Structures are given as structure tokens and as C-alpha cells.
Amino acid sequence: MPTLYAVSAERMVSRQLGGSCEVPLAAYAVWDQSQMQIRSFVASVDGKAICLASGNAVVQSVAEAEALGLSVAKDLIAQGAANLIPNVNK
């Protein structure tokens, strides 16, 4: 189950930010003892602007993993990550 939870958190970040092969975004979840930590970033295409976010929580269900991913995605959006993404598709 830990792998399912990690992938669920990572995918939630990607979904919230419109992730695709064209979006410079990363989300990586790992386990530290009984907690899951997720680190994520979004960059401008030229790499000059970067938004970083991370979070950790005790995760015991897919819903909890997705909530953690959503929290990290919201942090990235609050930092302006959404403004970096639309430029990729133009």
C-alpha cells in the first residue's frame, strides 16, 4: 500500500497543476518511518522561475495521500506556479 499512497499523492499534484509531458513539474513522495513526505516543484520553461513545496503526514489511505498531494499543489499555486504553466502550451 505505501507505493499506492505515494503514487496517489504525486498524481494529485500533477492533476491540480495540469501536468503533462510539456509541463516542467515534478512530485516525488517517499516514506520516512510512518510518515510520507512529498516534495514538488514547478519551473518556467527557461528554468529562471521555480516554485518549491513539500509536506509530510501520516498516511493510511488513498484519501489521506491525495489530501497531502492537494495541500502541496495548493502551496505551489499560492507561490505562482499556475502562472508558469500556461506559457508551456502557447
N, C-alpha and C. Protein backbone atom coordinates (compact mmCIF):
# COMPACT_ATOMS: atom_id res chain seq x y z
N MET A 1 0.79 -1.21 0.00
CA MET A 1 0.00 0.00 0.00
C MET A 1 0.85 1.29 0.00
N PRO A 2 2.02 1.29 0.60
CA PRO A 2 2.79 2.54 0.60
C PRO A 2 3.04 3.08 -0.81
N THR A 3 3.30 2.20 -1.77
CA THR A 3 3.54 2.67 -3.14
C THR A 3 2.28 3.29 -3.72
N LEU A 4 1.14 2.67 -3.50
CA LEU A 4 -0.14 3.22 -3.97
C LEU A 4 -0.37 4.60 -3.39
N TYR A 5 -0.10 4.76 -2.11
CA TYR A 5 -0.31 6.06 -1.47
C TYR A 5 0.65 7.11 -2.04
N ALA A 6 1.89 6.74 -2.24
CA ALA A 6 2.87 7.69 -2.79
C ALA A 6 2.46 8.12 -4.20
N VAL A 7 2.08 7.16 -5.03
CA VAL A 7 1.67 7.49 -6.40
C VAL A 7 0.40 8.35 -6.39
N SER A 8 -0.52 8.06 -5.49
CA SER A 8 -1.75 8.85 -5.40
C SER A 8 -1.45 10.30 -5.04
N ALA A 9 -0.54 10.52 -4.12
CA ALA A 9 -0.16 11.89 -3.75
C ALA A 9 0.52 12.60 -4.91
N GLU A 10 1.45 11.91 -5.57
CA GLU A 10 2.16 12.50 -6.71
C GLU A 10 1.20 12.87 -7.83
N ARG A 11 0.28 11.97 -8.13
CA ARG A 11 -0.68 12.23 -9.21
C ARG A 11 -1.63 13.37 -8.88
N MET A 12 -1.97 13.53 -7.61
CA MET A 12 -2.83 14.63 -7.22
C MET A 12 -2.15 15.97 -7.51
N VAL A 13 -0.88 16.07 -7.21
CA VAL A 13 -0.14 17.30 -7.52
C VAL A 13 -0.20 17.56 -9.02
N SER A 14 0.09 16.55 -9.79
CA SER A 14 0.09 16.69 -11.24
C SER A 14 -1.29 17.10 -11.77
N ARG A 15 -2.35 16.44 -11.28
CA ARG A 15 -3.71 16.78 -11.74
C ARG A 15 -4.07 18.22 -11.42
N GLN A 16 -3.74 18.67 -10.22
CA GLN A 16 -4.09 20.02 -9.81
C GLN A 16 -3.38 21.08 -10.64
N LEU A 17 -2.21 20.74 -11.15
CA LEU A 17 -1.42 21.71 -11.90
C LEU A 17 -1.48 21.46 -13.41
N GLY A 18 -2.33 20.55 -13.84
CA GLY A 18 -2.47 20.29 -15.27
C GLY A 18 -1.26 19.62 -15.86
N GLY A 19 -0.65 18.74 -15.10
CA GLY A 19 0.58 18.08 -15.52
C GLY A 19 0.44 17.30 -16.82
N SER A 20 1.47 17.38 -17.61
CA SER A 20 1.59 16.62 -18.85
C SER A 20 3.08 16.52 -19.17
N CYS A 21 3.38 15.93 -20.29
CA CYS A 21 4.78 15.81 -20.70
C CYS A 21 5.39 17.17 -21.03
N GLU A 22 4.55 18.18 -21.23
CA GLU A 22 5.03 19.51 -21.61
C GLU A 22 5.22 20.45 -20.41
N VAL A 23 4.74 20.04 -19.26
CA VAL A 23 4.79 20.90 -18.07
C VAL A 23 6.02 20.55 -17.24
N PRO A 24 6.88 21.54 -16.97
CA PRO A 24 8.06 21.28 -16.15
C PRO A 24 7.69 21.22 -14.67
N LEU A 25 7.21 20.04 -14.28
CA LEU A 25 6.75 19.85 -12.91
C LEU A 25 7.20 18.49 -12.41
N ALA A 26 7.44 18.42 -11.12
CA ALA A 26 7.85 17.16 -10.51
C ALA A 26 7.17 17.01 -9.16
N ALA A 27 6.86 15.78 -8.82
CA ALA A 27 6.33 15.45 -7.49
C ALA A 27 6.91 14.09 -7.12
N TYR A 28 7.49 14.00 -5.94
CA TYR A 28 8.15 12.78 -5.52
C TYR A 28 7.82 12.51 -4.06
N ALA A 29 7.17 11.39 -3.81
CA ALA A 29 6.79 11.03 -2.44
C ALA A 29 7.67 9.88 -1.95
N VAL A 30 8.10 9.98 -0.70
CA VAL A 30 8.91 8.94 -0.06
C VAL A 30 8.40 8.73 1.36
N TRP A 31 8.77 7.60 1.91
CA TRP A 31 8.38 7.27 3.28
C TRP A 31 9.54 7.49 4.23
N ASP A 32 9.24 8.09 5.38
CA ASP A 32 10.21 8.28 6.45
C ASP A 32 9.55 7.76 7.72
N GLN A 33 9.93 6.58 8.12
CA GLN A 33 9.30 5.91 9.25
C GLN A 33 7.82 5.69 8.92
N SER A 34 6.91 6.28 9.67
CA SER A 34 5.48 6.07 9.42
C SER A 34 4.84 7.23 8.67
N GLN A 35 5.64 8.21 8.27
CA GLN A 35 5.10 9.37 7.55
C GLN A 35 5.52 9.36 6.10
N MET A 36 4.66 9.92 5.28
CA MET A 36 5.01 10.12 3.87
C MET A 36 5.40 11.57 3.69
N GLN A 37 6.46 11.80 2.95
CA GLN A 37 6.88 13.15 2.60
C GLN A 37 6.78 13.29 1.09
N ILE A 38 6.25 14.42 0.65
CA ILE A 38 6.20 14.69 -0.78
C ILE A 38 6.89 16.02 -1.04
N ARG A 39 7.74 16.02 -2.04
CA ARG A 39 8.43 17.23 -2.49
C ARG A 39 8.02 17.48 -3.93
N SER A 40 7.82 18.73 -4.27
CA SER A 40 7.35 19.04 -5.62
C SER A 40 7.88 20.40 -6.06
N PHE A 41 7.96 20.57 -7.38
CA PHE A 41 8.32 21.87 -7.91
C PHE A 41 7.70 22.06 -9.28
N VAL A 42 7.59 23.32 -9.64
CA VAL A 42 7.18 23.74 -10.98
C VAL A 42 8.19 24.78 -11.41
N ALA A 43 8.63 24.70 -12.66
CA ALA A 43 9.61 25.65 -13.19
C ALA A 43 9.09 26.27 -14.47
N SER A 44 9.58 27.46 -14.75
CA SER A 44 9.31 28.05 -16.05
C SER A 44 10.09 27.26 -17.10
N VAL A 45 9.70 27.37 -18.34
CA VAL A 45 10.36 26.61 -19.40
C VAL A 45 11.85 26.91 -19.46
N ASP A 46 12.22 28.16 -19.22
CA ASP A 46 13.64 28.53 -19.27
C ASP A 46 14.37 28.24 -17.96
N GLY A 47 13.63 27.79 -16.94
CA GLY A 47 14.23 27.44 -15.65
C GLY A 47 14.58 28.62 -14.77
N LYS A 48 14.21 29.83 -15.18
CA LYS A 48 14.56 31.02 -14.40
C LYS A 48 13.65 31.22 -13.19
N ALA A 49 12.43 30.72 -13.26
CA ALA A 49 11.49 30.83 -12.14
C ALA A 49 11.14 29.42 -11.66
N ILE A 50 11.21 29.23 -10.35
CA ILE A 50 10.93 27.92 -9.77
C ILE A 50 10.10 28.11 -8.51
N CYS A 51 9.08 27.27 -8.35
CA CYS A 51 8.29 27.21 -7.13
C CYS A 51 8.53 25.85 -6.50
N LEU A 52 8.84 25.82 -5.22
CA LEU A 52 9.11 24.58 -4.49
C LEU A 52 8.12 24.43 -3.34
N ALA A 53 7.68 23.22 -3.08
CA ALA A 53 6.80 22.96 -1.95
C ALA A 53 7.01 21.54 -1.46
N SER A 54 6.73 21.33 -0.19
CA SER A 54 6.81 19.98 0.36
C SER A 54 5.83 19.87 1.52
N GLY A 55 5.56 18.65 1.89
CA GLY A 55 4.69 18.41 3.03
C GLY A 55 4.88 16.99 3.50
N ASN A 56 4.45 16.72 4.73
CA ASN A 56 4.50 15.36 5.23
C ASN A 56 3.32 15.11 6.15
N ALA A 57 2.94 13.86 6.23
CA ALA A 57 1.80 13.48 7.06
C ALA A 57 1.81 11.96 7.26
N VAL A 58 1.13 11.54 8.30
CA VAL A 58 0.85 10.13 8.48
C VAL A 58 -0.25 9.80 7.48
N VAL A 59 0.01 8.86 6.61
CA VAL A 59 -0.93 8.50 5.54
C VAL A 59 -1.32 7.03 5.69
N GLN A 60 -2.63 6.80 5.80
CA GLN A 60 -3.11 5.43 5.96
C GLN A 60 -4.22 5.10 4.97
N SER A 61 -4.42 5.97 3.98
CA SER A 61 -5.44 5.70 2.96
C SER A 61 -5.12 6.51 1.71
N VAL A 62 -5.73 6.14 0.61
CA VAL A 62 -5.57 6.90 -0.63
C VAL A 62 -6.09 8.33 -0.43
N ALA A 63 -7.21 8.47 0.26
CA ALA A 63 -7.78 9.80 0.50
C ALA A 63 -6.80 10.70 1.26
N GLU A 64 -6.12 10.16 2.25
CA GLU A 64 -5.14 10.94 3.01
C GLU A 64 -3.94 11.29 2.13
N ALA A 65 -3.53 10.37 1.28
CA ALA A 65 -2.42 10.64 0.37
C ALA A 65 -2.80 11.75 -0.61
N GLU A 66 -4.00 11.67 -1.16
CA GLU A 66 -4.45 12.70 -2.09
C GLU A 66 -4.59 14.05 -1.40
N ALA A 67 -5.03 14.05 -0.15
CA ALA A 67 -5.13 15.31 0.60
C ALA A 67 -3.76 15.95 0.78
N LEU A 68 -2.75 15.13 1.04
CA LEU A 68 -1.39 15.65 1.17
C LEU A 68 -0.91 16.22 -0.16
N GLY A 69 -1.15 15.49 -1.25
CA GLY A 69 -0.79 16.00 -2.57
C GLY A 69 -1.51 17.30 -2.91
N LEU A 70 -2.78 17.37 -2.56
CA LEU A 70 -3.56 18.59 -2.81
C LEU A 70 -3.00 19.77 -2.02
N SER A 71 -2.61 19.52 -0.79
CA SER A 71 -2.02 20.57 0.04
C SER A 71 -0.74 21.12 -0.58
N VAL A 72 0.11 20.24 -1.07
CA VAL A 72 1.36 20.66 -1.70
C VAL A 72 1.06 21.42 -3.00
N ALA A 73 0.10 20.94 -3.78
CA ALA A 73 -0.27 21.63 -5.01
C ALA A 73 -0.80 23.03 -4.73
N LYS A 74 -1.61 23.16 -3.70
CA LYS A 74 -2.15 24.49 -3.33
C LYS A 74 -1.02 25.43 -2.91
N ASP A 75 -0.03 24.90 -2.22
CA ASP A 75 1.13 25.70 -1.84
C ASP A 75 1.86 26.20 -3.08
N LEU A 76 2.05 25.33 -4.05
CA LEU A 76 2.71 25.74 -5.31
C LEU A 76 1.89 26.81 -6.03
N ILE A 77 0.59 26.61 -6.09
CA ILE A 77 -0.28 27.58 -6.75
C ILE A 77 -0.22 28.92 -6.04
N ALA A 78 -0.21 28.91 -4.71
CA ALA A 78 -0.11 30.15 -3.94
C ALA A 78 1.20 30.89 -4.21
N GLN A 79 2.24 30.14 -4.57
CA GLN A 79 3.54 30.74 -4.88
C GLN A 79 3.61 31.27 -6.32
N GLY A 80 2.57 30.98 -7.13
CA GLY A 80 2.56 31.47 -8.50
C GLY A 80 2.84 30.42 -9.55
N ALA A 81 2.84 29.14 -9.17
CA ALA A 81 3.14 28.08 -10.13
C ALA A 81 2.16 28.06 -11.30
N ALA A 82 0.91 28.37 -11.04
CA ALA A 82 -0.09 28.35 -12.12
C ALA A 82 0.26 29.37 -13.20
N ASN A 83 0.93 30.43 -12.84
CA ASN A 83 1.33 31.44 -13.82
C ASN A 83 2.46 30.95 -14.72
N LEU A 84 3.23 29.99 -14.26
CA LEU A 84 4.33 29.45 -15.06
C LEU A 84 3.83 28.42 -16.07
N ILE A 85 2.78 27.72 -15.74
CA ILE A 85 2.31 26.60 -16.56
C ILE A 85 1.64 27.01 -17.87
N PRO A 86 0.76 28.00 -17.92
CA PRO A 86 0.10 28.30 -19.20
C PRO A 86 1.06 28.66 -20.33
N ASN A 87 2.20 29.19 -19.99
CA ASN A 87 3.18 29.57 -21.02
C ASN A 87 3.72 28.38 -21.78
N VAL A 88 3.62 27.20 -21.24
CA VAL A 88 4.13 26.00 -21.87
C VAL A 88 3.31 25.65 -23.10
N ASN A 89 2.01 25.83 -23.02
CA ASN A 89 1.11 25.41 -24.10
C ASN A 89 0.92 26.43 -25.19
N LYS A 90 1.58 27.55 -25.14
CA LYS A 90 1.40 28.61 -26.16
C LYS A 90 2.34 28.41 -27.31
